[in-house]
């Protein structure tokens, strides 16, 4: 080696995901690239007087984690908001909200996140009257943990101009009462955008999700500075969990400009892919904007090469699109796109060389998404497109083999499952028919069928904590039949957070493995992950996170 490495990691238990050398104890880094992998004695000999030496103390050393489905801007902002996660009942929620109200007397809206659909009792549907009881004298609203529903009290609905209802886009709903007034439940972004506009960030953090376009009005210099600070905090938060890469799942030019500014300052410590968000109200000529986004941003740290779409909503609010009505209902969910429109969008995005990632939770939504990808292949010819389906919380058996036939990437969030230790195990049961549960959240089923499976959190839907998701995947709670055991091996689950996620972004030749020539994106854990019970994964985490050869987090 002509020059000493900048950094070496010694005495580790390396899980490299490199077929030529799957195991090692040490590695060396120079100029942001891994230059050698081997045993501790050999790598130690390479070190010079200026080389930084990290003793892994026999803990696992892995490629940096890649969270393949996040909402970075929104997650970063929500670190500032009142977190109601795990709280149920008026006795818990009321003092928390009123305490925040006292602490923030000038806020036009008290806003909370991580609210549970059953917060005020199992089977009870939250209304504005419940929130009026919690905080009667000021506008108050709260985000469901899945971010598909906002509940608002009467004051908030009045302030947002929604108390008497109003127009919404397809797939969104302001739930109205028999008295002709809004009940306080706002389903999907097209219904709750006016509430977000009242928050301290004005909803700018979710413009890429709600409209797919830049915030209106444009951010002032002060607002832009605040947004940059929020994302800096969010990136540091991600790095503290061993994350070096992110697949953002909403996008607009404003978000890209913020991230590009952070990159220029050296603060974009997680490499980030941002999609172009194509909505059902858009015409196909908007894909020219997607090409402009791809042209303007294509660095190693910030790029656009994919298109995001939504096919449906979520199961809990019955907006996920199903093949048959929900139990005890005549409603089968809501399609965001009609089939012909979605197929046309897929054909055009694929024709322009974009990867497509589609949110599809209901079994009919998954089927229609597969139909769209098939239409793209039929129209444009087969290619290595690596189109993705996000969530796949229900799946009909007839559609299982289509994933492999079409080369579709199965993108799951293990912590979202009822057996993932985060949500109540029984919360989803009333919303699914027994035969739907067999393939629900079926990541091992899809893996067994020969499909590429990738893992993520959908932060801020759940914490961006990788270890919580790995526990959900490798040590799921046991649920009675017809639920099936989707338990992963530790190595498979780790691959779904590293090498497979790098492959899903077409970067398998540059990242996701610990081998010479690869980007030096690395995480040193506090423990040997193969030596501890997966049910204890949440007790451990990242000790050191390295991005491009630079230590960006140290516990």
Protein backbone atom coordinates (compact mmCIF):
# COMPACT_ATOMS: atom_id res chain seq x y z
CA UNK A 1 0.00 0.00 0.00
CA UNK A 2 1.58 3.29 -1.12
CA UNK A 3 0.17 5.47 1.67
CA UNK A 4 -1.04 4.80 5.17
CA UNK A 5 -4.80 4.57 5.66
CA UNK A 6 -6.72 7.42 7.25
CA UNK A 7 -8.59 5.02 9.49
CA UNK A 8 -8.49 1.36 10.49
CA UNK A 9 -11.01 -0.73 12.38
CA UNK A 10 -9.46 -3.59 14.34
CA UNK A 11 -10.70 -6.51 16.46
CA UNK A 12 -14.12 -6.57 14.87
CA UNK A 13 -16.54 -9.23 13.79
CA UNK A 14 -17.01 -8.08 10.21
CA UNK A 15 -20.10 -9.13 8.30
CA UNK A 16 -19.02 -7.95 4.88
CA UNK A 17 -21.72 -9.28 2.51
CA UNK A 18 -18.82 -9.71 0.07
CA UNK A 19 -18.91 -13.25 -1.37
CA UNK A 20 -15.14 -13.33 -1.87
CA UNK A 21 -14.49 -12.61 1.83
CA UNK A 22 -17.65 -12.85 3.92
CA UNK A 23 -15.81 -12.69 7.25
CA UNK A 24 -12.86 -10.70 8.57
CA UNK A 25 -11.74 -8.90 11.71
CA UNK A 26 -10.38 -5.61 10.37
CA UNK A 27 -10.41 -3.10 7.53
CA UNK A 28 -8.63 0.01 6.37
CA UNK A 29 -9.98 3.23 4.83
CA UNK A 30 -8.29 5.92 2.77
CA UNK A 31 -9.83 8.88 0.93
CA UNK A 32 -13.35 7.76 1.75
CA UNK A 33 -12.91 4.27 0.28
CA UNK A 34 -12.24 0.87 1.84
CA UNK A 35 -8.74 -0.11 0.72
CA UNK A 36 -8.14 -3.36 2.60
CA UNK A 37 -10.07 -6.02 4.49
CA UNK A 38 -8.41 -8.81 6.44
CA UNK A 39 -7.25 -9.92 9.86
CA UNK A 40 -6.37 -7.53 12.64
CA UNK A 41 -2.63 -8.19 12.55
CA UNK A 42 -2.30 -7.49 8.83
CA UNK A 43 -4.49 -4.37 8.87
CA UNK A 44 -2.76 -3.06 11.99
CA UNK A 45 0.56 -3.19 10.16
CA UNK A 46 -0.82 -0.77 7.55
CA UNK A 47 -1.47 2.01 10.06
CA UNK A 48 0.77 5.05 10.10
CA UNK A 49 1.34 7.68 12.77
CA UNK A 50 -1.65 9.76 11.63
CA UNK A 51 -4.03 6.83 11.15
CA UNK A 52 -7.11 6.84 13.37
CA UNK A 53 -7.46 3.46 15.06
CA UNK A 54 -10.87 2.17 16.11
CA UNK A 55 -10.99 -0.89 18.34
CA UNK A 56 -14.29 -2.64 17.66
CA UNK A 57 -13.85 -4.85 20.73
CA UNK A 58 -15.20 -7.92 18.93
CA UNK A 59 -18.49 -6.20 18.10
CA UNK A 60 -20.19 -6.49 14.72
CA UNK A 61 -18.88 -4.25 11.94
CA UNK A 62 -21.23 -3.84 8.99
CA UNK A 63 -21.82 -1.73 5.91
CA UNK A 64 -23.65 1.38 7.04
CA UNK A 65 -27.36 0.81 7.35
CA UNK A 66 -29.58 2.14 4.56
CA UNK A 67 -33.15 2.95 5.53
CA UNK A 68 -34.94 2.44 2.24
CA UNK A 69 -38.19 4.25 3.08
CA UNK A 70 -38.18 7.46 5.12
CA UNK A 71 -39.60 10.95 5.04
CA UNK A 72 -36.50 12.87 6.07
CA UNK A 73 -37.86 16.41 6.17
CA UNK A 74 -41.01 15.38 8.01
CA UNK A 75 -39.19 13.10 10.42
CA UNK A 76 -36.66 15.80 11.21
CA UNK A 77 -39.36 18.37 11.94
CA UNK A 78 -41.33 15.98 14.12
CA UNK A 79 -38.43 15.68 16.53
CA UNK A 80 -39.71 19.10 17.73
CA UNK A 81 -43.36 18.10 18.23
CA UNK A 82 -45.20 16.60 21.19
CA UNK A 83 -44.87 12.82 20.94
CA UNK A 84 -47.95 10.90 22.11
CA UNK A 85 -46.51 7.50 21.22
CA UNK A 86 -47.67 4.81 23.62
CA UNK A 87 -50.20 7.08 25.35
CA UNK A 88 -53.80 5.94 25.65
CA UNK A 89 -56.77 7.39 27.48
CA UNK A 90 -57.70 10.89 28.52
CA UNK A 91 -55.79 10.60 31.80
CA UNK A 92 -52.50 10.22 29.92
CA UNK A 93 -53.11 12.41 26.89
CA UNK A 94 -54.77 15.43 28.51
CA UNK A 95 -51.96 16.48 30.88
CA UNK A 96 -49.33 15.99 28.17
CA UNK A 97 -51.19 18.21 25.72
CA UNK A 98 -52.09 20.87 28.27
CA UNK A 99 -48.50 20.99 29.51
CA UNK A 100 -47.31 21.65 25.96
CA UNK A 101 -50.01 24.31 25.58
CA UNK A 102 -48.74 26.12 28.68
CA UNK A 103 -45.14 25.86 27.47
CA UNK A 104 -46.00 27.27 24.02
CA UNK A 105 -48.58 30.02 24.59
CA UNK A 106 -47.99 31.82 21.29
CA UNK A 107 -48.40 28.85 18.95
CA UNK A 108 -51.44 29.16 16.67
CA UNK A 109 -51.86 25.37 16.87
CA UNK A 110 -50.77 22.77 19.42
CA UNK A 111 -49.68 19.85 17.27
CA UNK A 112 -48.84 16.32 18.39
CA UNK A 113 -47.62 13.21 16.60
CA UNK A 114 -47.74 9.42 17.02
CA UNK A 115 -51.42 9.29 18.00
CA UNK A 116 -52.98 5.84 18.03
CA UNK A 117 -56.25 5.08 16.24
CA UNK A 118 -57.52 3.52 19.47
CA UNK A 119 -56.13 6.24 21.73
CA UNK A 120 -59.42 6.84 23.53
CA UNK A 121 -60.60 3.25 23.68
CA UNK A 122 -60.58 0.12 21.55
CA UNK A 123 -63.23 0.40 18.86
CA UNK A 124 -63.86 4.09 19.61
CA UNK A 125 -63.43 6.38 16.62
CA UNK A 126 -61.76 9.62 17.66
CA UNK A 127 -63.69 12.83 16.92
CA UNK A 128 -63.23 16.54 17.47
CA UNK A 129 -65.28 16.25 20.64
CA UNK A 130 -62.62 13.99 22.17
CA UNK A 131 -59.95 16.55 21.31
CA UNK A 132 -62.16 19.36 22.64
CA UNK A 133 -62.18 17.51 25.95
CA UNK A 134 -58.38 17.31 25.90
CA UNK A 135 -57.85 20.99 25.00
CA UNK A 136 -61.06 23.02 24.70
CA UNK A 137 -59.74 26.57 24.51
CA UNK A 138 -57.01 26.43 21.83
CA UNK A 139 -56.61 24.82 18.40
CA UNK A 140 -55.21 21.31 18.82
CA UNK A 141 -54.56 18.57 16.26
CA UNK A 142 -52.67 15.31 16.23
CA UNK A 143 -51.13 13.10 13.56
CA UNK A 144 -51.82 9.37 13.47
CA UNK A 145 -48.61 7.40 13.69
CA UNK A 146 -49.10 6.19 10.11
CA UNK A 147 -49.44 9.83 8.91
CA UNK A 148 -52.54 9.04 6.89
CA UNK A 149 -54.96 10.66 9.34
CA UNK A 150 -55.07 13.89 11.33
CA UNK A 151 -57.60 14.52 14.09
CA UNK A 152 -58.45 18.12 14.94
CA UNK A 153 -60.52 19.78 17.64
CA UNK A 154 -63.25 22.29 16.89
CA UNK A 155 -60.98 25.30 17.30
CA UNK A 156 -58.44 23.86 14.86
CA UNK A 157 -61.10 22.99 12.29
CA UNK A 158 -62.47 26.53 12.50
CA UNK A 159 -59.01 28.05 12.11
CA UNK A 160 -58.26 25.85 9.09
CA UNK A 161 -61.63 26.55 7.47
CA UNK A 162 -62.66 22.89 7.59
CA UNK A 163 -65.46 22.81 10.17
CA UNK A 164 -68.08 22.82 7.42
CA UNK A 165 -66.12 20.51 5.16
CA UNK A 166 -64.60 21.40 1.84
CA UNK A 167 -63.22 19.99 -1.40
CA UNK A 168 -60.60 17.22 -1.31
CA UNK A 169 -58.66 15.30 -3.92
CA UNK A 170 -59.40 11.69 -4.87
CA UNK A 171 -58.58 9.30 -2.03
CA UNK A 172 -58.87 11.94 0.70
CA UNK A 173 -61.84 12.64 2.97
CA UNK A 174 -63.03 15.14 5.54
CA UNK A 175 -65.28 12.86 7.57
CA UNK A 176 -68.61 14.63 8.03
CA UNK A 177 -71.22 14.11 10.73
CA UNK A 178 -74.96 13.85 10.35
CA UNK A 179 -75.17 17.47 11.53
CA UNK A 180 -73.32 18.58 8.41
CA UNK A 181 -70.18 19.50 10.31
CA UNK A 182 -66.75 17.92 10.20
CA UNK A 183 -66.27 15.22 12.81
CA UNK A 184 -62.59 16.01 13.21
CA UNK A 185 -61.13 13.05 11.32
CA UNK A 186 -59.18 14.09 8.22
CA UNK A 187 -58.12 11.20 6.03
CA UNK A 188 -55.10 11.50 3.76
CA UNK A 189 -53.04 14.58 2.81
CA UNK A 190 -55.65 16.15 0.56
CA UNK A 191 -57.89 16.53 3.60
CA UNK A 192 -55.44 17.59 6.29
CA UNK A 193 -53.09 19.93 4.38
CA UNK A 194 -54.86 23.00 5.78
CA UNK A 195 -54.10 21.82 9.32
CA UNK A 196 -50.42 21.30 8.54
CA UNK A 197 -50.25 24.85 7.23
CA UNK A 198 -50.89 26.02 10.81
CA UNK A 199 -47.89 24.19 12.30
CA UNK A 200 -44.57 25.95 13.07
CA UNK A 201 -43.10 24.73 9.77
CA UNK A 202 -46.20 25.64 7.79
CA UNK A 203 -46.46 22.18 6.26
CA UNK A 204 -43.35 22.77 4.15
CA UNK A 205 -41.90 19.52 5.43
CA UNK A 206 -44.75 17.56 3.86
CA UNK A 207 -45.25 19.51 0.64
CA UNK A 208 -43.31 16.82 -1.20
CA UNK A 209 -45.81 14.29 0.13
CA UNK A 210 -49.04 16.29 0.03
CA UNK A 211 -48.68 18.04 -3.34
CA UNK A 212 -45.41 16.77 -4.80
CA UNK A 213 -44.67 20.41 -5.56
CA UNK A 214 -42.79 23.20 -3.82
CA UNK A 215 -44.33 24.97 -0.82
CA UNK A 216 -46.76 27.80 -1.52
CA UNK A 217 -45.94 30.48 -0.55
CA UNK A 218 -42.21 30.02 -1.03
CA UNK A 219 -40.12 29.81 2.11
CA UNK A 220 -38.65 33.03 3.45
CA UNK A 221 -34.94 33.22 4.25
CA UNK A 222 -35.73 32.69 7.94
CA UNK A 223 -37.96 29.71 7.18
CA UNK A 224 -35.34 28.19 4.92
CA UNK A 225 -32.74 28.53 7.67
CA UNK A 226 -35.08 26.87 10.15
CA UNK A 227 -35.75 24.04 7.70
CA UNK A 228 -32.02 23.48 7.16
CA UNK A 229 -31.43 23.31 10.91
CA UNK A 230 -34.23 20.77 11.32
CA UNK A 231 -32.84 18.49 8.61
CA UNK A 232 -29.33 18.75 10.09
CA UNK A 233 -30.73 17.50 13.39
CA UNK A 234 -32.61 14.75 11.58
CA UNK A 235 -29.51 13.55 9.75
CA UNK A 236 -27.54 13.43 12.99
CA UNK A 237 -30.40 11.49 14.55
CA UNK A 238 -30.27 8.96 11.70
CA UNK A 239 -26.49 8.66 11.97
CA UNK A 240 -26.84 7.88 15.68
CA UNK A 241 -28.66 4.71 14.62
CA UNK A 242 -25.87 3.61 12.28
CA UNK A 243 -27.60 4.90 9.16
CA UNK A 244 -25.44 6.17 6.31
CA UNK A 245 -28.02 6.05 3.50
CA UNK A 246 -31.66 7.05 3.05
CA UNK A 247 -34.29 6.48 0.40
CA UNK A 248 -36.57 9.45 0.87
CA UNK A 249 -40.14 8.72 -0.19
CA UNK A 250 -41.45 12.18 -0.93
CA UNK A 251 -39.86 14.90 -2.95
CA UNK A 252 -39.90 18.29 -4.58
CA UNK A 253 -37.35 20.81 -5.80
CA UNK A 254 -37.37 22.67 -2.49
CA UNK A 255 -36.33 19.56 -0.57
CA UNK A 256 -33.58 18.89 -3.10
CA UNK A 257 -32.32 22.46 -2.79
CA UNK A 258 -32.17 22.16 1.00
CA UNK A 259 -30.28 18.88 0.81
CA UNK A 260 -27.94 20.27 -1.84
CA UNK A 261 -27.15 23.20 0.46
CA UNK A 262 -26.35 20.76 3.26
CA UNK A 263 -24.18 18.73 0.90
CA UNK A 264 -22.23 21.86 -0.06
CA UNK A 265 -21.63 22.57 3.63
CA UNK A 266 -20.50 19.00 4.31
CA UNK A 267 -23.55 18.32 6.46
CA UNK A 268 -25.36 15.74 4.30
CA UNK A 269 -23.94 12.91 6.39
CA UNK A 270 -26.43 10.33 5.08
CA UNK A 271 -26.42 9.73 1.31
CA UNK A 272 -29.95 10.44 0.18
CA UNK A 273 -32.04 9.39 -2.80
CA UNK A 274 -35.07 11.61 -3.38
CA UNK A 275 -37.94 10.71 -5.73
CA UNK A 276 -40.12 12.76 -7.98
CA UNK A 277 -43.63 12.47 -6.52
CA UNK A 278 -46.21 11.92 -9.27
CA UNK A 279 -49.81 12.34 -8.12
CA UNK A 280 -53.13 11.29 -9.59
CA UNK A 281 -53.97 14.93 -10.37
CA UNK A 282 -50.83 15.26 -12.50
CA UNK A 283 -50.60 14.95 -16.26
CA UNK A 284 -47.91 12.90 -17.95
CA UNK A 285 -46.00 15.97 -19.07
CA UNK A 286 -44.93 16.47 -15.44
CA UNK A 287 -42.39 13.71 -15.99
CA UNK A 288 -40.32 16.36 -17.75
CA UNK A 289 -39.88 17.88 -14.27
CA UNK A 290 -38.73 14.49 -13.01
CA UNK A 291 -36.07 14.44 -15.70
CA UNK A 292 -35.00 17.94 -14.68
CA UNK A 293 -34.68 16.81 -11.07
CA UNK A 294 -32.60 13.82 -12.16
CA UNK A 295 -30.38 16.03 -14.33
CA UNK A 296 -29.72 18.61 -11.63
CA UNK A 297 -28.92 16.20 -8.81
CA UNK A 298 -26.79 13.13 -9.46
CA UNK A 299 -23.92 13.13 -6.95
CA UNK A 300 -22.75 10.31 -4.68
CA UNK A 301 -24.59 11.97 -1.79
CA UNK A 302 -27.76 13.31 -3.39
CA UNK A 303 -29.60 12.04 -6.41
CA UNK A 304 -32.97 11.44 -8.04
CA UNK A 305 -33.58 8.38 -10.16
CA UNK A 306 -37.04 7.24 -9.13
CA UNK A 307 -40.70 8.19 -9.13
CA UNK A 308 -43.00 7.76 -6.14
CA UNK A 309 -46.74 7.14 -6.43
CA UNK A 310 -49.56 6.17 -4.09
CA UNK A 311 -52.16 3.57 -4.99
CA UNK A 312 -54.15 3.64 -1.73
CA UNK A 313 -54.23 4.58 1.95
CA UNK A 314 -54.05 2.45 5.10
CA UNK A 315 -55.99 -0.41 6.62
CA UNK A 316 -56.92 1.27 9.91
CA UNK A 317 -58.95 4.03 8.24
CA UNK A 318 -60.31 1.64 5.58
CA UNK A 319 -58.63 3.64 2.81
CA UNK A 320 -56.38 0.74 1.77
CA UNK A 321 -57.81 -0.70 -1.46
CA UNK A 322 -59.07 -4.25 -1.02
CA UNK A 323 -60.41 -6.96 -3.30
CA UNK A 324 -63.55 -7.16 -1.17
CA UNK A 325 -65.18 -5.00 1.50
CA UNK A 326 -63.75 -4.77 4.98
CA UNK A 327 -65.34 -7.05 7.61
CA UNK A 328 -68.70 -5.66 8.66
CA UNK A 329 -68.60 -2.98 5.96
CA UNK A 330 -69.68 -2.46 2.37
CA UNK A 331 -66.57 -0.33 1.73
CA UNK A 332 -63.45 -1.79 0.08
CA UNK A 333 -61.13 1.21 0.31
CA UNK A 334 -60.13 3.99 -2.04
CA UNK A 335 -58.03 3.98 -5.19
CA UNK A 336 -55.80 7.02 -5.53
CA UNK A 337 -55.33 6.30 -9.26
CA UNK A 338 -57.77 4.61 -11.57
CA UNK A 339 -56.24 1.61 -13.29
CA UNK A 340 -55.80 3.08 -16.78
CA UNK A 341 -54.31 6.30 -15.42
CA UNK A 342 -51.83 4.42 -13.25
CA UNK A 343 -50.80 2.14 -16.10
CA UNK A 344 -50.15 5.16 -18.31
CA UNK A 345 -48.02 6.77 -15.60
CA UNK A 346 -46.01 3.57 -15.15
CA UNK A 347 -45.43 3.26 -18.88
CA UNK A 348 -44.21 6.85 -19.14
CA UNK A 349 -41.98 6.73 -16.05
CA UNK A 350 -40.47 3.43 -17.19
CA UNK A 351 -40.00 4.73 -20.72
CA UNK A 352 -37.91 7.58 -19.33
CA UNK A 353 -35.76 5.12 -17.38
CA UNK A 354 -37.05 5.82 -13.88
CA UNK A 355 -37.41 3.28 -11.14
CA UNK A 356 -40.95 3.36 -9.72
CA UNK A 357 -41.85 3.00 -6.03
CA UNK A 358 -45.56 2.68 -5.27
CA UNK A 359 -47.31 2.72 -1.92
CA UNK A 360 -49.72 -0.23 -1.99
CA UNK A 361 -51.17 -1.72 1.19
CA UNK A 362 -54.45 -3.37 0.21
CA UNK A 363 -54.48 -6.59 -1.80
CA UNK A 364 -56.22 -4.91 -4.74
CA UNK A 365 -53.76 -2.01 -4.57
CA UNK A 366 -50.87 -4.47 -4.78
CA UNK A 367 -52.52 -6.21 -7.74
CA UNK A 368 -53.12 -2.95 -9.60
CA UNK A 369 -49.53 -1.89 -8.98
CA UNK A 370 -48.26 -5.16 -10.42
CA UNK A 371 -50.61 -4.62 -13.36
CA UNK A 372 -49.03 -1.20 -13.92
CA UNK A 373 -45.52 -2.63 -13.87
CA UNK A 374 -46.62 -5.35 -16.28
CA UNK A 375 -48.09 -2.69 -18.57
CA UNK A 376 -44.75 -0.85 -18.53
CA UNK A 377 -42.87 -4.01 -19.45
CA UNK A 378 -45.35 -4.85 -22.21
CA UNK A 379 -45.08 -1.34 -23.67
CA UNK A 380 -41.36 -0.68 -23.27
CA UNK A 381 -39.78 -4.11 -23.12
CA UNK A 382 -38.12 -5.90 -20.23
CA UNK A 383 -35.22 -4.18 -18.47
CA UNK A 384 -33.51 -4.22 -15.09
CA UNK A 385 -36.00 -1.70 -13.72
CA UNK A 386 -36.10 -2.82 -10.06
CA UNK A 387 -39.53 -1.27 -9.59
CA UNK A 388 -40.68 -1.42 -5.99
CA UNK A 389 -43.87 -1.91 -4.04
CA UNK A 390 -43.91 -0.25 -0.64
CA UNK A 391 -45.61 -1.88 2.38
CA UNK A 392 -47.50 -4.87 0.85
CA UNK A 393 -49.45 -5.34 4.07
CA UNK A 394 -51.92 -7.65 2.33
CA UNK A 395 -51.39 -9.85 -0.70
CA UNK A 396 -53.56 -12.29 -2.63
CA UNK A 397 -51.93 -15.66 -3.27
CA UNK A 398 -52.47 -15.30 -7.03
CA UNK A 399 -50.17 -12.27 -7.03
CA UNK A 400 -47.30 -13.82 -5.09
CA UNK A 401 -45.48 -15.30 -8.13
CA UNK A 402 -45.86 -12.06 -10.08
CA UNK A 403 -43.19 -10.36 -7.94
CA UNK A 404 -40.51 -12.75 -9.20
CA UNK A 405 -41.91 -12.80 -12.73
CA UNK A 406 -41.64 -9.01 -12.96
CA UNK A 407 -38.51 -8.60 -10.84
CA UNK A 408 -40.37 -6.37 -8.38
CA UNK A 409 -38.62 -5.38 -5.15
CA UNK A 410 -40.66 -6.08 -2.01
CA UNK A 411 -40.20 -3.15 0.38
CA UNK A 412 -41.34 -3.85 3.94
CA UNK A 413 -41.31 -2.08 7.29
CA UNK A 414 -41.12 -4.88 9.90
CA UNK A 415 -42.04 -2.56 12.75
CA UNK A 416 -45.43 -1.83 11.15
CA UNK A 417 -46.64 -5.41 11.53
CA UNK A 418 -48.95 -6.35 14.39
CA UNK A 419 -46.24 -8.80 15.48
CA UNK A 420 -43.51 -6.14 15.29
CA UNK A 421 -43.59 -5.16 19.00
CA UNK A 422 -44.53 -1.53 18.26
CA UNK A 423 -48.25 -1.58 17.55
CA UNK A 424 -50.90 -3.50 19.45
CA UNK A 425 -50.95 -7.11 18.27
CA UNK A 426 -54.73 -7.14 18.03
CA UNK A 427 -55.30 -3.70 16.53
CA UNK A 428 -55.40 -4.85 12.91
CA UNK A 429 -57.43 -8.04 13.46
CA UNK A 430 -60.93 -6.53 13.08
CA UNK A 431 -60.00 -4.95 9.75
CA UNK A 432 -58.91 -8.11 7.89
CA UNK A 433 -60.71 -11.27 6.87
CA UNK A 434 -59.12 -14.46 8.25
CA UNK A 435 -57.80 -15.58 4.86
CA UNK A 436 -56.09 -12.20 4.36
CA UNK A 437 -53.96 -12.69 7.46
CA UNK A 438 -52.06 -15.67 6.06
CA UNK A 439 -50.02 -13.54 3.64
CA UNK A 440 -50.23 -10.26 5.56
CA UNK A 441 -46.87 -8.58 6.18
CA UNK A 442 -45.39 -11.58 4.40
CA UNK A 443 -41.71 -10.70 4.05
CA UNK A 444 -40.44 -14.23 4.67
CA UNK A 445 -43.11 -15.63 2.35
CA UNK A 446 -41.89 -13.34 -0.43
CA UNK A 447 -38.25 -14.11 0.36
CA UNK A 448 -38.96 -17.85 0.20
CA UNK A 449 -40.52 -17.26 -3.23
CA UNK A 450 -37.19 -15.94 -4.50
CA UNK A 451 -37.79 -12.22 -4.23
CA UNK A 452 -35.48 -9.43 -3.15
CA UNK A 453 -36.77 -8.08 0.18
CA UNK A 454 -35.67 -4.75 1.61
CA UNK A 455 -36.34 -3.24 5.04
CA UNK A 456 -37.00 0.25 6.37
CA UNK A 457 -38.99 2.20 8.94
CA UNK A 458 -41.06 4.78 7.03
CA UNK A 459 -39.80 7.25 9.65
CA UNK A 460 -41.51 9.19 11.21
CA UNK A 461 -44.31 6.60 11.09
CA UNK A 462 -42.15 4.67 13.55
CA UNK A 463 -38.78 5.48 15.07
CA UNK A 464 -35.85 5.37 12.65
CA UNK A 465 -34.24 2.88 15.07
CA UNK A 466 -32.76 0.09 12.93
CA UNK A 467 -32.48 -2.31 15.84
CA UNK A 468 -36.19 -2.09 16.64
CA UNK A 469 -36.95 -3.06 13.04
CA UNK A 470 -34.40 -5.87 13.10
CA UNK A 471 -35.98 -7.22 16.26
CA UNK A 472 -39.40 -7.12 14.58
CA UNK A 473 -38.01 -9.09 11.63
CA UNK A 474 -35.97 -11.67 13.53
CA UNK A 475 -37.97 -12.09 16.75
CA UNK A 476 -41.58 -11.24 15.90
CA UNK A 477 -44.28 -11.70 18.50
CA UNK A 478 -46.12 -14.99 18.12
CA UNK A 479 -49.67 -14.70 16.84
CA UNK A 480 -52.21 -17.44 16.47
CA UNK A 481 -53.21 -18.80 13.05
CA UNK A 482 -54.19 -17.76 10.46
CA UNK A 483 -51.28 -15.34 11.03
CA UNK A 484 -48.04 -16.91 9.82
CA UNK A 485 -44.55 -16.74 11.30
CA UNK A 486 -42.47 -14.35 9.16
CA UNK A 487 -39.31 -14.72 11.23
CA UNK A 488 -36.06 -13.89 9.38
CA UNK A 489 -32.55 -15.11 9.97
CA UNK A 490 -30.29 -12.43 11.42
CA UNK A 491 -28.09 -12.40 8.31
CA UNK A 492 -31.06 -12.10 5.95
CA UNK A 493 -32.47 -9.22 7.97
CA UNK A 494 -29.11 -7.44 8.08
CA UNK A 495 -28.74 -7.88 4.32
CA UNK A 496 -32.16 -6.28 3.86
CA UNK A 497 -30.84 -3.20 5.67
CA UNK A 498 -27.47 -3.05 3.88
CA UNK A 499 -26.48 -4.93 0.72
CA UNK A 500 -30.03 -5.42 -0.56
CA UNK A 501 -30.92 -1.77 -0.04
CA UNK A 502 -27.77 -0.75 -1.93
CA UNK A 503 -28.88 -3.07 -4.74
CA UNK A 504 -32.37 -1.54 -4.70
CA UNK A 505 -30.85 1.87 -5.44
CA UNK A 506 -28.59 0.47 -8.21
CA UNK A 507 -25.47 1.06 -6.10
CA UNK A 508 -24.43 -2.52 -5.37
CA UNK A 509 -21.07 -1.96 -7.08
CA UNK A 510 -20.20 0.95 -4.78
CA UNK A 511 -21.81 0.38 -1.38
CA UNK A 512 -23.54 -2.16 0.83
CA UNK A 513 -20.47 -4.41 1.18
CA UNK A 514 -17.20 -4.24 3.11
CA UNK A 515 -14.64 -4.89 0.41
CA UNK A 516 -11.80 -2.95 -1.23
CA UNK A 517 -13.01 -0.22 -3.57
CA UNK A 518 -16.36 0.23 -1.85
CA UNK A 519 -17.49 3.49 -0.26
CA UNK A 520 -16.39 3.63 3.37
CA UNK A 521 -19.90 3.80 4.81
CA UNK A 522 -19.58 1.65 7.92
CA UNK A 523 -21.23 1.05 11.27
CA UNK A 524 -19.47 -0.40 14.31
CA UNK A 525 -22.02 -1.83 16.71
CA UNK A 526 -21.85 -1.97 20.50
CA UNK A 527 -22.24 -5.76 20.49
CA UNK A 528 -21.78 -8.84 18.34
CA UNK A 529 -25.24 -9.12 16.79
CA UNK A 530 -24.77 -12.81 16.07
CA UNK A 531 -24.00 -13.55 19.71
CA UNK A 532 -27.03 -11.97 21.38
CA UNK A 533 -30.68 -12.95 21.42
CA UNK A 534 -32.51 -11.07 18.63
CA UNK A 535 -35.24 -10.31 21.14
CA UNK A 536 -32.64 -8.09 22.83
CA UNK A 537 -31.70 -6.15 19.72
CA UNK A 538 -33.32 -2.97 21.03
CA UNK A 539 -30.86 -3.04 23.94
CA UNK A 540 -27.94 -2.43 21.59
CA UNK A 541 -27.14 -0.07 18.75
CA UNK A 542 -24.46 1.82 16.90
CA UNK A 543 -21.20 2.71 18.64
CA UNK A 544 -19.61 4.50 15.68
CA UNK A 545 -21.03 5.55 12.31
CA UNK A 546 -18.69 6.32 9.42
CA UNK A 547 -19.83 8.04 6.23
CA UNK A 548 -17.38 8.38 3.37
CA UNK A 549 -14.52 7.59 5.72
CA UNK A 550 -15.50 10.29 8.23
CA UNK A 551 -16.77 9.49 11.72
CA UNK A 552 -20.17 11.19 11.88
CA UNK A 553 -21.38 9.63 15.12
CA UNK A 554 -19.64 8.18 18.16
CA UNK A 555 -21.57 7.04 21.20
